[in-house]
Protein backbone atom coordinates (compact mmCIF):
# COMPACT_ATOMS: atom_id res chain seq x y z
CA UNK A 1 12.16 6.93 -4.19
CA UNK A 2 13.10 10.66 -3.38
CA UNK A 3 15.68 9.19 -1.08
CA UNK A 4 16.97 6.89 -3.83
CA UNK A 5 16.60 9.70 -6.52
CA UNK A 6 17.18 12.96 -4.91
CA UNK A 7 19.04 11.92 -1.73
CA UNK A 8 17.04 14.38 0.06
CA UNK A 9 17.80 13.91 3.77
CA UNK A 10 21.73 14.61 2.84
CA UNK A 11 20.75 17.61 0.75
CA UNK A 12 18.73 18.71 3.60
CA UNK A 13 21.61 17.90 6.27
CA UNK A 14 24.16 19.51 4.56
CA UNK A 15 22.02 22.70 4.00
CA UNK A 16 21.12 22.94 7.76
CA UNK A 17 25.11 22.69 8.42
CA UNK A 18 25.73 19.07 9.66
CA UNK A 19 29.52 17.93 9.41
CA UNK A 20 29.21 14.60 9.56
CA UNK A 21 27.06 11.72 10.14
CA UNK A 22 26.97 8.11 10.91
CA UNK A 23 25.02 4.77 9.18
CA UNK A 24 22.52 3.45 11.20
CA UNK A 25 20.46 0.03 10.82
CA UNK A 26 17.65 1.80 8.90
CA UNK A 27 20.14 3.27 6.62
CA UNK A 28 20.35 -0.64 5.19
CA UNK A 29 16.53 -0.84 4.65
CA UNK A 30 16.51 -0.08 1.14
CA UNK A 31 19.64 -2.90 1.29
CA UNK A 32 23.13 -1.87 0.15
CA UNK A 33 22.45 -1.49 -3.48
CA UNK A 34 19.63 1.24 -2.54
CA UNK A 35 22.05 2.80 0.10
CA UNK A 36 24.60 3.11 -2.31
CA UNK A 37 22.55 4.74 -5.30
CA UNK A 38 21.72 7.16 -2.38
CA UNK A 39 25.03 8.01 -2.09
CA UNK A 40 25.75 8.32 -5.75
CA UNK A 41 22.94 10.49 -6.34
CA UNK A 42 24.14 12.66 -3.09
CA UNK A 43 27.43 13.08 -4.85
CA UNK A 44 25.59 15.65 -7.19
CA UNK A 45 24.54 18.04 -4.03
CA UNK A 46 27.03 20.98 -3.40
CA UNK A 47 27.28 20.58 0.34
CA UNK A 48 27.31 17.50 2.17
CA UNK A 49 27.93 16.17 5.60
CA UNK A 50 30.75 13.53 5.63
CA UNK A 51 29.34 10.12 6.09
CA UNK A 52 31.63 8.15 8.48
CA UNK A 53 31.84 4.22 9.50
CA UNK A 54 34.44 2.49 10.77
CA UNK A 55 33.08 -1.15 11.46
CA UNK A 56 31.50 -2.00 7.96
CA UNK A 57 32.77 -5.09 6.55
CA UNK A 58 31.89 -6.26 2.82
CA UNK A 59 31.55 -9.58 1.76
CA UNK A 60 34.23 -11.02 -0.45
CA UNK A 61 31.67 -13.97 -1.56
CA UNK A 62 28.18 -12.09 -2.85
CA UNK A 63 28.57 -9.27 -5.31
CA UNK A 64 25.47 -7.79 -3.76
CA UNK A 65 27.14 -5.42 -2.18
CA UNK A 66 29.59 -4.37 -4.74
CA UNK A 67 27.91 -1.10 -5.47
CA UNK A 68 28.42 0.20 -1.44
CA UNK A 69 32.09 -1.02 -1.53
CA UNK A 70 32.60 1.11 -4.67
CA UNK A 71 31.06 4.08 -2.70
CA UNK A 72 33.62 3.50 -0.17
CA UNK A 73 36.21 2.97 -2.48
CA UNK A 74 35.43 6.47 -3.85
CA UNK A 75 35.51 8.06 -0.83
CA UNK A 76 31.75 8.81 -0.63
CA UNK A 77 31.86 6.84 3.17
CA UNK A 78 34.98 7.24 4.95
CA UNK A 79 36.00 5.56 8.26
CA UNK A 80 37.03 8.89 9.97
CA UNK A 81 37.94 12.73 8.92
CA UNK A 82 40.00 15.49 10.81
CA UNK A 83 38.26 18.91 10.85
CA UNK A 84 39.63 21.82 11.67
CA UNK A 85 37.75 24.77 13.54
CA UNK A 86 39.18 27.99 14.95
CA UNK A 87 42.11 26.27 14.80
CA UNK A 88 40.91 23.20 16.87
CA UNK A 89 41.19 19.99 15.13
CA UNK A 90 38.18 17.50 15.74
CA UNK A 91 38.96 13.67 14.79
CA UNK A 92 35.54 12.10 14.16
CA UNK A 93 34.72 8.69 13.34
CA UNK A 94 31.67 6.61 13.18
CA UNK A 95 30.48 3.24 14.38
CA UNK A 96 27.46 0.84 14.02
CA UNK A 97 26.58 -0.80 17.62
CA UNK A 98 26.22 -4.57 18.02
CA UNK A 99 22.34 -4.42 18.77
CA UNK A 100 21.88 -2.20 15.84
CA UNK A 101 23.92 -4.37 13.19
CA UNK A 102 21.58 -7.35 14.62
CA UNK A 103 18.45 -5.04 13.84
CA UNK A 104 19.64 -4.36 10.08
CA UNK A 105 18.68 -8.02 8.55
CA UNK A 106 18.52 -6.13 4.80
CA UNK A 107 22.27 -5.03 5.31
CA UNK A 108 23.42 -8.55 4.12
CA UNK A 109 26.22 -9.21 2.43
CA UNK A 110 27.17 -6.28 4.70
CA UNK A 111 28.46 -7.42 8.14
CA UNK A 112 29.95 -5.39 11.19
CA UNK A 113 32.81 -5.52 13.14
CA UNK A 114 33.33 -5.49 16.78
CA UNK A 115 32.66 -1.61 17.71
CA UNK A 116 35.48 -1.65 20.47
CA UNK A 117 38.15 -3.00 18.40
CA UNK A 118 37.47 -0.45 15.48
CA UNK A 119 36.63 2.18 17.55
CA UNK A 120 40.87 1.48 19.00
CA UNK A 121 41.72 1.19 15.76
CA UNK A 122 40.33 4.89 14.94
CA UNK A 123 41.77 6.60 18.31
CA UNK A 124 45.20 5.08 17.62
CA UNK A 125 44.60 6.74 13.93
CA UNK A 126 43.78 9.89 15.28
CA UNK A 127 46.02 10.43 18.35
CA UNK A 128 48.18 13.22 17.79
CA UNK A 129 46.71 14.51 14.92
CA UNK A 130 43.59 15.47 16.14
CA UNK A 131 43.02 17.74 19.62
CA UNK A 132 39.54 16.18 20.19
CA UNK A 133 38.12 13.06 19.22
CA UNK A 134 34.54 12.56 18.62
CA UNK A 135 32.57 8.99 17.99
CA UNK A 136 29.35 9.23 16.40
CA UNK A 137 27.84 5.77 17.74
CA UNK A 138 25.05 4.29 16.48
CA UNK A 139 24.98 1.73 19.74
CA UNK A 140 22.92 3.67 22.32
CA UNK A 141 22.43 3.55 26.09
CA UNK A 142 20.91 1.34 28.47
CA UNK A 143 19.52 1.57 31.94
CA UNK A 144 21.08 -2.07 32.26
CA UNK A 145 24.81 -0.91 32.32
CA UNK A 146 26.12 -4.27 31.56
CA UNK A 147 23.96 -3.54 28.03
CA UNK A 148 24.82 -0.10 27.58
CA UNK A 149 26.97 -0.34 24.80
CA UNK A 150 28.10 3.05 24.83
CA UNK A 151 29.00 3.11 28.24
CA UNK A 152 31.09 -0.07 27.74
CA UNK A 153 32.65 1.75 24.75
CA UNK A 154 33.89 4.42 27.00
CA UNK A 155 35.05 1.79 29.89
CA UNK A 156 37.14 -0.20 27.01
CA UNK A 157 38.53 2.38 24.88
CA UNK A 158 40.61 5.45 26.11
CA UNK A 159 41.21 8.40 24.19
CA UNK A 160 37.46 8.90 22.87
CA UNK A 161 36.71 12.60 24.41
CA UNK A 162 33.07 12.82 23.37
CA UNK A 163 30.62 9.93 22.58
CA UNK A 164 27.39 11.10 20.42
CA UNK A 165 25.30 8.63 20.99
CA UNK A 166 22.01 7.31 18.94
CA UNK A 167 20.27 4.39 17.92
CA UNK A 168 18.12 4.10 21.63
CA UNK A 169 16.37 7.29 21.27
CA UNK A 170 17.34 8.33 24.89
CA UNK A 171 16.53 11.56 26.01
CA UNK A 172 19.34 13.11 28.04
CA UNK A 173 18.98 16.53 29.69
CA UNK A 174 22.62 16.44 30.83
CA UNK A 175 25.76 14.28 29.63
CA UNK A 176 27.10 11.07 31.40
CA UNK A 177 30.88 10.61 32.10
CA UNK A 178 32.68 7.47 31.93
CA UNK A 179 36.29 7.61 32.68
CA UNK A 180 37.33 10.63 30.79
CA UNK A 181 34.55 10.22 28.26
CA UNK A 182 31.52 12.46 28.03
CA UNK A 183 28.66 10.72 26.60
CA UNK A 184 25.49 12.46 25.29
CA UNK A 185 22.39 11.66 23.51
CA UNK A 186 19.48 14.00 22.04
CA UNK A 187 16.19 11.95 21.85
CA UNK A 188 14.96 11.28 18.53
CA UNK A 189 13.52 12.64 15.32
CA UNK A 190 15.14 16.24 15.71
CA UNK A 191 12.74 16.77 18.92
CA UNK A 192 15.78 18.32 20.77
CA UNK A 193 18.98 19.52 19.91
CA UNK A 194 22.23 18.97 21.91
CA UNK A 195 24.46 21.88 22.55
CA UNK A 196 27.86 21.18 24.25
CA UNK A 197 30.52 23.83 25.12
CA UNK A 198 34.29 22.11 25.65
CA UNK A 199 37.09 24.30 26.79
CA UNK A 200 40.85 23.00 25.76
CA UNK A 201 43.68 24.12 27.80
CA UNK A 202 47.13 22.63 27.75
CA UNK A 203 45.74 19.25 26.15
CA UNK A 204 43.23 18.79 29.22
CA UNK A 205 39.24 19.07 27.89
CA UNK A 206 36.62 19.86 30.14
CA UNK A 207 32.95 20.61 29.33
CA UNK A 208 31.78 24.17 30.38
CA UNK A 209 28.32 24.20 29.23
CA UNK A 210 25.57 21.88 27.96
CA UNK A 211 22.24 22.29 27.05
CA UNK A 212 19.23 20.11 25.45
CA UNK A 213 17.28 22.19 23.55
CA UNK A 214 13.73 21.51 22.62
CA UNK A 215 13.02 21.98 18.95
CA UNK A 216 9.23 23.09 18.78
CA UNK A 217 7.17 25.50 17.32
CA UNK A 218 8.68 28.74 19.71
CA UNK A 219 11.89 28.43 17.24
CA UNK A 220 10.90 30.13 14.03
CA UNK A 221 11.56 27.87 11.02
CA UNK A 222 14.25 29.10 8.50
CA UNK A 223 12.77 30.23 5.42
CA UNK A 224 15.28 28.40 2.96
CA UNK A 225 15.03 25.01 4.73
CA UNK A 226 11.24 25.47 5.00
CA UNK A 227 10.96 26.20 0.98
CA UNK A 228 13.04 23.47 0.29
CA UNK A 229 10.81 20.84 2.50
CA UNK A 230 7.67 22.47 0.87
CA UNK A 231 9.41 21.30 -2.70
CA UNK A 232 9.70 17.94 -1.44
CA UNK A 233 6.41 17.59 -0.42
CA UNK A 234 5.15 18.74 -3.63
CA UNK A 235 7.25 15.89 -5.32
CA UNK A 236 6.22 13.50 -3.01
CA UNK A 237 2.48 14.38 -3.73
CA UNK A 238 3.26 14.24 -7.52
CA UNK A 239 5.51 11.39 -7.97
CA UNK A 240 3.98 9.27 -5.32
CA UNK A 241 1.10 9.88 -3.07
CA UNK A 242 -1.24 11.20 -5.91
CA UNK A 243 -1.27 7.64 -7.58
CA UNK A 244 -2.79 6.46 -4.31
CA UNK A 245 -5.12 8.88 -4.09
CA UNK A 246 -3.58 11.00 -1.44
CA UNK A 247 -1.72 13.96 -0.64
CA UNK A 248 0.70 14.94 2.10
CA UNK A 249 -1.40 17.50 3.87
CA UNK A 250 -4.94 15.31 3.00
CA UNK A 251 -7.17 15.02 6.23
CA UNK A 252 -7.82 11.49 6.49
CA UNK A 253 -9.23 10.64 9.86
CA UNK A 254 -10.34 12.62 13.19
CA UNK A 255 -9.46 11.90 16.64
CA UNK A 256 -10.33 12.87 19.75
CA UNK A 257 -7.65 11.14 21.80
CA UNK A 258 -3.94 10.30 21.61
CA UNK A 259 -2.84 6.87 20.16
CA UNK A 260 0.72 6.25 21.54
CA UNK A 261 3.14 3.36 21.47
CA UNK A 262 4.08 1.66 24.35
CA UNK A 263 6.37 -0.94 25.69
CA UNK A 264 2.87 -2.74 26.77
CA UNK A 265 -0.27 -3.36 24.81
CA UNK A 266 -0.97 0.16 23.62
CA UNK A 267 -3.64 2.04 21.36
CA UNK A 268 -1.46 2.58 18.52
CA UNK A 269 -0.43 -0.92 18.43
CA UNK A 270 -3.70 -2.46 18.62
CA UNK A 271 -5.08 -0.24 15.74
CA UNK A 272 -1.67 -1.01 13.74
CA UNK A 273 -2.00 -4.97 14.10
CA UNK A 274 -5.72 -4.91 13.52
CA UNK A 275 -5.14 -2.54 10.49
CA UNK A 276 -2.82 -5.31 9.03
CA UNK A 277 -5.23 -8.36 10.10
CA UNK A 278 -8.41 -6.47 8.40
CA UNK A 279 -6.01 -6.25 5.15
CA UNK A 280 -5.52 -9.86 5.24
CA UNK A 281 -9.28 -10.57 5.46
CA UNK A 282 -9.52 -8.52 2.45
CA UNK A 283 -7.01 -9.52 0.22
CA UNK A 284 -6.38 -13.24 1.39
CA UNK A 285 -8.62 -16.06 0.63
CA UNK A 286 -10.12 -18.43 3.57
CA UNK A 287 -9.88 -15.85 6.58
CA UNK A 288 -10.76 -17.52 9.98
CA UNK A 289 -11.22 -15.47 12.85
CA UNK A 290 -10.02 -17.87 15.23
CA UNK A 291 -6.81 -18.67 13.50
CA UNK A 292 -5.64 -15.59 11.59
CA UNK A 293 -2.97 -13.25 13.78
CA UNK A 294 -1.43 -10.21 13.03
CA UNK A 295 1.78 -9.13 14.50
CA UNK A 296 3.87 -5.93 14.38
CA UNK A 297 6.84 -4.85 16.51
CA UNK A 298 7.17 -1.72 18.48
CA UNK A 299 10.57 -1.48 16.55
CA UNK A 300 9.08 -0.76 13.18
CA UNK A 301 6.21 1.71 14.73
CA UNK A 302 7.99 4.97 14.57
CA UNK A 303 5.74 7.71 15.76
CA UNK A 304 2.56 8.33 17.72
CA UNK A 305 -0.76 9.18 16.29
CA UNK A 306 -1.45 12.36 18.20
CA UNK A 307 -4.74 14.53 18.42
CA UNK A 308 -2.95 18.03 18.38
CA UNK A 309 -5.31 21.33 18.55
CA UNK A 310 -7.79 20.24 15.95
CA UNK A 311 -7.67 16.47 15.94
CA UNK A 312 -7.20 16.08 12.60
CA UNK A 313 -4.91 13.38 11.02
CA UNK A 314 -3.09 14.11 8.00
CA UNK A 315 -1.83 11.49 5.68
CA UNK A 316 1.75 12.17 6.58
CA UNK A 317 0.78 11.65 10.14
CA UNK A 318 -0.65 8.27 9.66
CA UNK A 319 2.23 7.40 7.62
CA UNK A 320 4.66 8.69 9.94
CA UNK A 321 3.51 5.63 12.08
CA UNK A 322 4.75 2.94 9.76
CA UNK A 323 7.20 4.71 7.22
CA UNK A 324 9.84 1.90 6.96
CA UNK A 325 11.50 -0.44 4.40
CA UNK A 326 11.39 -1.21 0.87
CA UNK A 327 9.80 -3.99 -1.17
CA UNK A 328 11.20 -6.66 -2.97
CA UNK A 329 9.98 -5.05 -6.05
CA UNK A 330 12.29 -1.94 -5.26
CA UNK A 331 9.02 0.09 -3.90
CA UNK A 332 8.43 2.03 -0.67
CA UNK A 333 7.63 0.42 2.35
CA UNK A 334 7.55 -3.36 3.88
CA UNK A 335 5.52 -5.85 2.07
CA UNK A 336 3.05 -8.22 4.28
CA UNK A 337 3.62 -11.67 4.22
CA UNK A 338 1.51 -14.58 5.29
CA UNK A 339 2.64 -17.91 6.58
CA UNK A 340 1.42 -20.82 8.90
CA UNK A 341 2.69 -22.34 12.15
CA UNK A 342 1.35 -24.35 14.65
CA UNK A 343 -0.25 -23.45 17.84
CA UNK A 344 3.02 -24.48 20.18
CA UNK A 345 5.04 -22.22 17.69
CA UNK A 346 2.68 -19.24 18.44
CA UNK A 347 3.28 -19.78 21.85
CA UNK A 348 6.80 -19.37 21.46
CA UNK A 349 6.52 -16.42 19.16
CA UNK A 350 4.44 -14.93 22.11
CA UNK A 351 7.48 -15.78 24.39
CA UNK A 352 9.12 -12.90 22.86
CA UNK A 353 6.90 -10.47 24.66
CA UNK A 354 7.84 -12.04 28.11
CA UNK A 355 11.47 -13.21 27.60
CA UNK A 356 12.98 -11.63 24.52
CA UNK A 357 11.80 -7.74 24.99
CA UNK A 358 12.78 -7.46 28.56
CA UNK A 359 16.44 -8.48 27.70
CA UNK A 360 16.68 -6.94 24.50
CA UNK A 361 14.60 -3.95 24.80
CA UNK A 362 11.04 -2.15 23.76
CA UNK A 363 11.74 -2.66 19.91
CA UNK A 364 11.07 -6.62 20.54
CA UNK A 365 7.83 -6.10 21.96
CA UNK A 366 5.04 -7.43 19.73
CA UNK A 367 1.73 -5.84 19.39
CA UNK A 368 -1.29 -8.42 18.36
CA UNK A 369 -4.50 -8.70 16.64
CA UNK A 370 -6.30 -12.21 16.43
CA UNK A 371 -5.12 -13.29 19.42
CA UNK A 372 -4.95 -12.65 23.38
CA UNK A 373 -1.91 -13.83 25.93
CA UNK A 374 -1.71 -14.16 29.54
CA UNK A 375 1.77 -14.43 30.87
CA UNK A 376 3.43 -15.04 34.28
CA UNK A 377 6.55 -12.83 34.29
CA UNK A 378 7.77 -14.99 37.38
CA UNK A 379 8.13 -18.23 35.89
CA UNK A 380 11.21 -20.09 33.80
CA UNK A 381 12.24 -17.64 30.81
CA UNK A 382 11.09 -18.92 27.66
CA UNK A 383 8.01 -20.52 29.26
CA UNK A 384 6.07 -17.59 30.78
CA UNK A 385 3.01 -17.64 28.35
CA UNK A 386 0.24 -19.44 30.28
CA UNK A 387 -2.76 -19.03 27.97
CA UNK A 388 -3.50 -18.16 24.57
CA UNK A 389 -6.94 -17.17 23.17
CA UNK A 390 -7.65 -16.38 19.43
CA UNK A 391 -10.43 -14.58 17.95
CA UNK A 392 -11.40 -11.05 18.27
CA UNK A 393 -13.45 -8.47 20.11
CA UNK A 394 -16.42 -8.64 17.26
CA UNK A 395 -16.65 -12.53 17.19
CA UNK A 396 -15.17 -13.38 20.44
CA UNK A 397 -12.16 -15.55 21.69
CA UNK A 398 -11.45 -19.04 22.57
CA UNK A 399 -8.69 -20.56 24.38
CA UNK A 400 -5.98 -22.30 22.49
CA UNK A 401 -4.61 -25.54 22.87
CA UNK A 402 -0.71 -24.97 22.52
CA UNK A 403 0.14 -28.46 23.22
CA UNK A 404 2.66 -29.89 20.92
CA UNK A 405 0.02 -32.54 20.16
CA UNK A 406 -2.06 -29.88 18.38
CA UNK A 407 -1.02 -29.61 14.83
CA UNK A 408 -3.69 -27.18 13.79
CA UNK A 409 -2.00 -24.35 11.50
CA UNK A 410 -2.53 -20.95 12.43
CA UNK A 411 -2.23 -18.36 9.87
CA UNK A 412 0.23 -15.28 10.90
CA UNK A 413 0.88 -12.18 8.87
CA UNK A 414 3.39 -9.51 9.58
CA UNK A 415 5.77 -7.42 7.65
CA UNK A 416 8.82 -8.97 5.93
CA UNK A 417 11.03 -7.33 8.47
CA UNK A 418 9.14 -8.57 11.58
CA UNK A 419 8.74 -11.67 9.83
CA UNK A 420 12.69 -12.57 9.22
CA UNK A 421 13.23 -12.03 13.09
CA UNK A 422 10.44 -14.71 13.70
CA UNK A 423 11.98 -17.24 11.63
CA UNK A 424 15.53 -16.46 13.22
CA UNK A 425 14.60 -15.87 16.61
CA UNK A 426 15.27 -19.50 17.42
CA UNK A 427 19.22 -19.26 16.77
CA UNK A 428 18.94 -16.44 19.56
CA UNK A 429 17.59 -18.71 22.03
CA UNK A 430 19.36 -21.91 21.41
CA UNK A 431 16.54 -23.33 19.30
CA UNK A 432 13.94 -23.06 22.23
CA UNK A 433 11.83 -20.75 20.55
CA UNK A 434 12.65 -21.96 17.05
CA UNK A 435 9.76 -21.30 14.65
CA UNK A 436 9.53 -22.80 11.19
CA UNK A 437 7.21 -20.74 8.72
CA UNK A 438 5.25 -23.01 6.47
CA UNK A 439 2.60 -23.12 3.68
CA UNK A 440 -1.14 -23.54 4.03
CA UNK A 441 -0.32 -27.69 3.45
CA UNK A 442 2.42 -27.61 6.30
CA UNK A 443 5.28 -27.86 4.29
CA UNK A 444 8.96 -25.43 5.21
CA UNK A 445 9.14 -21.94 3.29
CA UNK A 446 12.28 -21.55 2.61
CA UNK A 447 12.61 -18.09 1.20
CA UNK A 448 9.96 -15.81 3.09
CA UNK A 449 9.73 -13.68 -0.53
CA UNK A 450 7.54 -16.51 -1.77
CA UNK A 451 4.98 -15.69 1.16
CA UNK A 452 4.17 -12.11 0.00
CA UNK A 453 0.71 -11.14 -0.50
CA UNK A 454 -1.01 -10.18 -4.01
CA UNK A 455 -2.89 -7.08 -3.68
CA UNK A 456 -4.05 -7.78 -7.20
CA UNK A 457 -4.88 -10.95 -8.38
CA UNK A 458 -6.07 -9.88 -11.77
CA UNK A 459 -2.68 -8.23 -12.59
CA UNK A 460 0.41 -10.27 -13.64
CA UNK A 461 3.08 -10.79 -11.20
CA UNK A 462 2.94 -10.30 -7.38
CA UNK A 463 1.43 -6.60 -6.47
CA UNK A 464 2.85 -6.27 -3.07
CA UNK A 465 0.38 -5.78 -0.10
CA UNK A 466 2.12 -2.86 1.83
CA UNK A 467 2.14 -2.74 5.51
CA UNK A 468 2.15 1.45 5.49
CA UNK A 469 -1.25 1.33 3.05
CA UNK A 470 -3.03 -0.59 5.51
CA UNK A 471 -3.87 2.02 7.95
CA UNK A 472 -5.45 4.34 5.11
CA UNK A 473 -7.62 1.29 4.17
CA UNK A 474 -8.57 0.20 7.48
CA UNK A 475 -9.50 3.99 8.39
CA UNK A 476 -11.92 4.28 5.50
CA UNK A 477 -14.02 1.27 7.34
CA UNK A 478 -14.53 3.80 10.57
CA UNK A 479 -17.78 5.74 10.96
CA UNK A 480 -18.45 9.48 10.42
CA UNK A 481 -19.48 9.92 13.84
CA UNK A 482 -20.26 13.84 13.17
CA UNK A 483 -21.20 14.26 9.51
CA UNK A 484 -18.33 16.34 8.30
CA UNK A 485 -16.91 13.28 5.30
CA UNK A 486 -13.94 12.60 7.67
CA UNK A 487 -13.73 8.78 9.54
CA UNK A 488 -13.65 9.14 13.24
CA UNK A 489 -11.20 6.87 15.00
CA UNK A 490 -13.39 4.62 17.58
CA UNK A 491 -13.34 5.08 21.02
CA UNK A 492 -12.43 1.40 21.85
CA UNK A 493 -8.52 2.65 20.39
CA UNK A 494 -8.68 4.74 23.52
CA UNK A 495 -7.97 1.97 26.07
CA UNK A 496 -6.41 -1.34 26.41
CA UNK A 497 -8.22 -4.28 24.83
CA UNK A 498 -6.65 -7.01 27.39
CA UNK A 499 -4.64 -8.41 24.73
CA UNK A 500 -1.73 -8.48 26.52
CA UNK A 501 -1.83 -9.52 30.17
CA UNK A 502 0.43 -9.71 32.48
CA UNK A 503 -0.66 -12.48 35.81
CA UNK A 504 2.57 -12.16 38.53
CA UNK A 505 2.28 -15.14 40.75
CA UNK A 506 4.50 -17.05 42.89
CA UNK A 507 2.15 -19.82 43.40
CA UNK A 508 3.85 -22.87 42.67
CA UNK A 509 0.87 -24.45 40.67
CA UNK A 510 0.95 -21.05 38.37
CA UNK A 511 4.58 -21.30 37.87
CA UNK A 512 4.16 -24.89 36.42
CA UNK A 513 0.68 -24.81 34.66
CA UNK A 514 0.56 -25.65 31.12
CA UNK A 515 4.32 -25.68 31.17
CA UNK A 516 6.85 -26.79 28.14
CA UNK A 517 10.16 -29.18 28.85
CA UNK A 518 11.59 -25.80 29.51
CA UNK A 519 9.90 -25.67 32.84
CA UNK A 520 10.17 -29.46 33.65
CA UNK A 521 13.58 -29.63 32.96
CA UNK A 522 14.44 -26.77 35.14
CA UNK A 523 12.11 -28.27 37.80
CA UNK A 524 13.89 -31.68 37.02
CA UNK A 525 16.92 -30.41 37.92
CA UNK A 526 15.90 -28.22 41.06
CA UNK A 527 14.36 -31.49 42.13
CA UNK A 528 17.66 -33.74 41.49
CA UNK A 529 19.66 -30.79 43.28
CA UNK A 530 17.30 -31.12 46.18
CA UNK A 531 17.54 -34.95 46.31
CA UNK A 532 21.57 -34.09 45.96
CA UNK A 533 21.98 -32.00 49.18
CA UNK A 534 19.29 -34.08 51.05
CA UNK A 535 21.52 -37.24 50.78
CA UNK A 536 24.41 -35.36 51.49
CA UNK A 537 22.91 -33.81 54.57
CA UNK A 538 21.88 -37.40 55.68
CA UNK A 539 25.43 -38.62 54.99
CA UNK A 540 26.92 -36.02 57.10
CA UNK A 541 24.73 -36.92 60.23
CA UNK A 542 25.26 -40.42 60.16
CA UNK A 543 29.03 -39.74 60.13
CA UNK A 544 28.56 -37.35 62.91
CA UNK A 545 26.94 -39.74 64.70
């Protein structure tokens, strides 16, 4: 709400001295219309950073991005700028990376062109006009050099002096150099400030110094900026949180341990998945502990819940864990949706853990409630899950028959962002992991928006059940162990609960047990190849005799 009506992030960036920024995938969480509203509002501010992106493509068929296209045509968004400081001209342009574009499902009908082609075009436009060319890239880095988009960008595009990288939340203590391009990235959420010193002499650019400066309490806050932030906190209280019985700094829980998010079964992941599943038990009819599963991906979990010095968790701490999105009603937060899939489709969804996450990164790691999964990472891709149990720690677990002959439907609940990926995951995997969301009668759901959970059936229309609210409601069920009127996190969340279990084995039996057609097709191909080799060897031996 304040983003659209006050554009407070851009306002703060301007006052903090940002010269230029680029757009990332989550700038489109409010859809093109929401982003356009932010930009239109921002123009009322005195000082703004330039907003740059050079590979954004507007639809010629759909009108849903017209308002954003108008913002572009008015110059609120530019492809590039030339900024002069101390007699040196800096050419700066912005890019959306391929992985980031893939993770922006609400950007439609806006699409994004090839970053390398766009970068070549920008370098050509800036060459000869700028002394130093800088790319603000929401593409990122990867340990696998073949998937490290900004390294590939530097390899394929000559003339970029510095790439300021983003998207992957990579903590770098020193720049890397690819060809003649320096690449830097300073982690996430303003936790570090990167300071790079460059020397330009006779047209040749050299780095003379680089520092990654931690931003912590050892640095005094700026009085003016702090005052502005406190003012926005009050607006959030009065215009939003008070309606929900909350305030920004209200203590809502206590913890004696940190709840972290990791690319494995994690304490925070279990807590948030449990919160979603408990919400379904409260707001949906026909809850079945052995047929109700909740899913949340690491990609929408944005921050840890840390005990700090006091162990007190404020509302803002809890909200930061799942702060993203907009509902179909235009209000804050992703809505939760429920749909039904078969047991074999649940197995396909769990394969995201085993095959998609290792290839695509930690954002695709799924946290589960209502199910336990065992998998063998040495098996054939897309068929690594060996066992699934449904249930929970309270009622116990039952092994699930996920053969295609089992037509029993399982209800899955997730936010609409993650649900969109579950629906389209088949397209990423040549339909091997195709999942078709269904209603409780087993009929395919064409539009996921029709599956949004109504949090109040007594009112007209759909009162969207918001993902961000579920942790607040869930902690109300926690016991107050020290009688201070504050719920305490149970110790069960201080350890793994065995919901996701890797069981690596090269035993032939374990490599094929409970295998689907994917495994047996590969086994068949290998068997055929062995037969061909054996026949050739036999033929050659006969000829040699």
